[in-house]
C-alpha atoms as a PDB file:
ATOM      1  CA  UNK A   1      38.531 -13.397 -62.391  1.00  0.00           C
ATOM      2  CA  UNK A   2      39.222  -9.885 -61.133  1.00  0.00           C
ATOM      3  CA  UNK A   3      36.523  -9.306 -58.541  1.00  0.00           C
ATOM      4  CA  UNK A   4      34.203 -11.700 -56.770  1.00  0.00           C
ATOM      5  CA  UNK A   5      30.573 -10.718 -57.400  1.00  0.00           C
ATOM      6  CA  UNK A   6      28.536 -11.011 -54.199  1.00  0.00           C
ATOM      7  CA  UNK A   7      25.015 -12.311 -53.828  1.00  0.00           C
ATOM      8  CA  UNK A   8      23.178  -9.889 -51.561  1.00  0.00           C
ATOM      9  CA  UNK A   9      19.460 -10.386 -52.222  1.00  0.00           C
ATOM     10  CA  UNK A  10      17.585 -12.718 -49.901  1.00  0.00           C
ATOM     11  CA  UNK A  11      15.564 -14.334 -52.686  1.00  0.00           C
ATOM     12  CA  UNK A  12      18.802 -15.279 -54.509  1.00  0.00           C
ATOM     13  CA  UNK A  13      19.951 -17.109 -51.361  1.00  0.00           C
ATOM     14  CA  UNK A  14      16.553 -18.774 -50.951  1.00  0.00           C
ATOM     15  CA  UNK A  15      16.472 -19.893 -54.592  1.00  0.00           C
ATOM     16  CA  UNK A  16      19.920 -21.492 -54.204  1.00  0.00           C
ATOM     17  CA  UNK A  17      18.833 -23.291 -51.021  1.00  0.00           C
ATOM     18  CA  UNK A  18      15.617 -24.552 -52.619  1.00  0.00           C
ATOM     19  CA  UNK A  19      16.779 -25.467 -56.138  1.00  0.00           C
ATOM     20  CA  UNK A  20      20.558 -25.754 -55.838  1.00  0.00           C
ATOM     21  CA  UNK A  21      22.594 -28.888 -55.315  1.00  0.00           C
ATOM     22  CA  UNK A  22      24.457 -29.062 -52.022  1.00  0.00           C
ATOM     23  CA  UNK A  23      27.918 -30.473 -51.321  1.00  0.00           C
ATOM     24  CA  UNK A  24      28.660 -31.057 -47.643  1.00  0.00           C
ATOM     25  CA  UNK A  25      31.934 -31.258 -45.714  1.00  0.00           C
ATOM     26  CA  UNK A  26      32.647 -30.900 -41.978  1.00  0.00           C
ATOM     27  CA  UNK A  27      33.980 -27.375 -42.539  1.00  0.00           C
ATOM     28  CA  UNK A  28      31.719 -25.800 -45.169  1.00  0.00           C
ATOM     29  CA  UNK A  29      28.568 -26.531 -47.198  1.00  0.00           C
ATOM     30  CA  UNK A  30      28.335 -25.352 -50.815  1.00  0.00           C
ATOM     31  CA  UNK A  31      25.070 -24.800 -52.687  1.00  0.00           C
ATOM     32  CA  UNK A  32      25.509 -24.621 -56.471  1.00  0.00           C
ATOM     33  CA  UNK A  33      22.879 -23.249 -58.843  1.00  0.00           C
ATOM     34  CA  UNK A  34      23.198 -22.286 -62.491  1.00  0.00           C
ATOM     35  CA  UNK A  35      22.431 -18.613 -63.105  1.00  0.00           C
ATOM     36  CA  UNK A  36      21.588 -16.623 -66.211  1.00  0.00           C
ATOM     37  CA  UNK A  37      24.406 -14.145 -65.760  1.00  0.00           C
ATOM     38  CA  UNK A  38      27.765 -15.015 -67.301  1.00  0.00           C
ATOM     39  CA  UNK A  39      29.659 -14.477 -64.033  1.00  0.00           C
ATOM     40  CA  UNK A  40      30.193 -16.553 -60.923  1.00  0.00           C
ATOM     41  CA  UNK A  41      28.294 -15.014 -58.001  1.00  0.00           C
ATOM     42  CA  UNK A  42      29.169 -15.883 -54.406  1.00  0.00           C
ATOM     43  CA  UNK A  43      27.283 -15.627 -51.131  1.00  0.00           C
ATOM     44  CA  UNK A  44      28.550 -16.524 -47.664  1.00  0.00           C
ATOM     45  CA  UNK A  45      26.257 -17.391 -44.747  1.00  0.00           C
ATOM     46  CA  UNK A  46      27.177 -17.795 -41.092  1.00  0.00           C
ATOM     47  CA  UNK A  47      24.444 -18.438 -38.558  1.00  0.00           C
ATOM     48  CA  UNK A  48      24.482 -17.624 -34.857  1.00  0.00           C
ATOM     49  CA  UNK A  49      25.149 -21.312 -34.191  1.00  0.00           C
ATOM     50  CA  UNK A  50      28.750 -20.620 -35.260  1.00  0.00           C
ATOM     51  CA  UNK A  51      29.396 -18.400 -32.240  1.00  0.00           C
ATOM     52  CA  UNK A  52      29.748 -14.736 -31.430  1.00  0.00           C
ATOM     53  CA  UNK A  53      30.361 -11.957 -33.964  1.00  0.00           C
ATOM     54  CA  UNK A  54      34.125 -12.486 -33.874  1.00  0.00           C
ATOM     55  CA  UNK A  55      33.776 -16.183 -34.758  1.00  0.00           C
ATOM     56  CA  UNK A  56      31.228 -15.468 -37.500  1.00  0.00           C
ATOM     57  CA  UNK A  57      33.406 -12.773 -39.067  1.00  0.00           C
ATOM     58  CA  UNK A  58      36.449 -15.040 -38.928  1.00  0.00           C
ATOM     59  CA  UNK A  59      34.448 -17.789 -40.648  1.00  0.00           C
ATOM     60  CA  UNK A  60      33.454 -15.403 -43.437  1.00  0.00           C
ATOM     61  CA  UNK A  61      37.040 -14.172 -43.863  1.00  0.00           C
ATOM     62  CA  UNK A  62      38.430 -17.713 -44.011  1.00  0.00           C
ATOM     63  CA  UNK A  63      35.806 -18.811 -46.571  1.00  0.00           C
ATOM     64  CA  UNK A  64      36.319 -15.672 -48.680  1.00  0.00           C
ATOM     65  CA  UNK A  65      40.099 -16.134 -48.720  1.00  0.00           C
ATOM     66  CA  UNK A  66      39.834 -19.815 -49.667  1.00  0.00           C
ATOM     67  CA  UNK A  67      37.468 -19.006 -52.528  1.00  0.00           C
ATOM     68  CA  UNK A  68      39.644 -16.105 -53.690  1.00  0.00           C
ATOM     69  CA  UNK A  69      42.484 -18.581 -54.308  1.00  0.00           C
ATOM     70  CA  UNK A  70      40.187 -20.848 -56.341  1.00  0.00           C
ATOM     71  CA  UNK A  71      38.201 -18.160 -58.145  1.00  0.00           C
ATOM     72  CA  UNK A  72      40.423 -18.110 -61.229  1.00  0.00           C
ATOM     73  CA  UNK A  73      39.649 -21.737 -62.081  1.00  0.00           C
ATOM     74  CA  UNK A  74      35.908 -21.757 -61.312  1.00  0.00           C
ATOM     75  CA  UNK A  75      33.564 -21.918 -64.315  1.00  0.00           C
ATOM     76  CA  UNK A  76      31.382 -18.815 -64.717  1.00  0.00           C
ATOM     77  CA  UNK A  77      27.596 -18.879 -64.852  1.00  0.00           C
ATOM     78  CA  UNK A  78      26.878 -20.305 -61.393  1.00  0.00           C
ATOM     79  CA  UNK A  79      25.691 -19.019 -58.029  1.00  0.00           C
ATOM     80  CA  UNK A  80      27.688 -20.429 -55.129  1.00  0.00           C
ATOM     81  CA  UNK A  81      26.476 -20.169 -51.547  1.00  0.00           C
ATOM     82  CA  UNK A  82      28.991 -21.113 -48.866  1.00  0.00           C
ATOM     83  CA  UNK A  83      27.539 -21.934 -45.447  1.00  0.00           C
ATOM     84  CA  UNK A  84      29.895 -21.984 -42.480  1.00  0.00           C
ATOM     85  CA  UNK A  85      29.688 -24.930 -40.080  1.00  0.00           C
ATOM     86  CA  UNK A  86      30.644 -25.331 -36.435  1.00  0.00           C
ATOM     87  CA  UNK A  87      34.304 -26.094 -37.135  1.00  0.00           C
ATOM     88  CA  UNK A  88      34.832 -23.265 -39.634  1.00  0.00           C
ATOM     89  CA  UNK A  89      36.063 -20.568 -37.191  1.00  0.00           C
ATOM     90  CA  UNK A  90      38.695 -22.950 -35.810  1.00  0.00           C
ATOM     91  CA  UNK A  91      40.413 -23.992 -39.050  1.00  0.00           C
ATOM     92  CA  UNK A  92      42.815 -22.191 -41.357  1.00  0.00           C
ATOM     93  CA  UNK A  93      41.903 -21.067 -44.853  1.00  0.00           C
ATOM     94  CA  UNK A  94      44.184 -23.753 -46.362  1.00  0.00           C
ATOM     95  CA  UNK A  95      42.029 -26.480 -44.807  1.00  0.00           C
ATOM     96  CA  UNK A  96      38.838 -24.769 -46.005  1.00  0.00           C
ATOM     97  CA  UNK A  97      40.489 -24.485 -49.434  1.00  0.00           C
ATOM     98  CA  UNK A  98      41.056 -28.261 -49.601  1.00  0.00           C
ATOM     99  CA  UNK A  99      37.432 -29.019 -48.706  1.00  0.00           C
ATOM    100  CA  UNK A 100      36.138 -26.349 -51.084  1.00  0.00           C
ATOM    101  CA  UNK A 101      38.291 -27.706 -53.903  1.00  0.00           C
ATOM    102  CA  UNK A 102      36.870 -31.228 -53.416  1.00  0.00           C
ATOM    103  CA  UNK A 103      33.311 -29.921 -53.370  1.00  0.00           C
ATOM    104  CA  UNK A 104      33.694 -27.751 -56.472  1.00  0.00           C
ATOM    105  CA  UNK A 105      35.367 -30.634 -58.338  1.00  0.00           C
ATOM    106  CA  UNK A 106      32.452 -32.878 -57.393  1.00  0.00           C
ATOM    107  CA  UNK A 107      30.099 -30.189 -58.727  1.00  0.00           C
ATOM    108  CA  UNK A 108      32.081 -30.080 -61.971  1.00  0.00           C
ATOM    109  CA  UNK A 109      32.961 -26.404 -61.609  1.00  0.00           C
ATOM    110  CA  UNK A 110      36.741 -26.813 -61.394  1.00  0.00           C
ATOM    111  CA  UNK A 111      39.237 -28.135 -63.874  1.00  0.00           C
ATOM    112  CA  UNK A 112      39.644 -31.850 -63.237  1.00  0.00           C
ATOM    113  CA  UNK A 113      35.999 -32.413 -62.213  1.00  0.00           C
ATOM    114  CA  UNK A 114      33.219 -34.112 -64.093  1.00  0.00           C
ATOM    115  CA  UNK A 115      30.844 -32.128 -66.302  1.00  0.00           C
ATOM    116  CA  UNK A 116      28.644 -29.954 -64.112  1.00  0.00           C
ATOM    117  CA  UNK A 117      25.116 -28.803 -64.401  1.00  0.00           C
END
């Protein structure tokens, strides 16, 4: 996967929250929803509960970097929404990567996971 396609429209986020399946960890929450496009689209959300702008931006950077390392092995055709949690700004991207890998395997989107849908 060359470039990560971003989800920017509010109704795409809302559809994923309403209809998607969520996978929770202490560091990040992932909402997974099948889309009609043949690419994997990604959205990242950080609320004000995370902290100030510096903490929120760090959370987004850490999540983006962790997903960038996994993006080559993720099955296309899904919308993924990553929601930062309270601990996200304080952990390294390798720790987020481990949690993200477990969640995407549980969703069946990575090699080594069960069939997803």
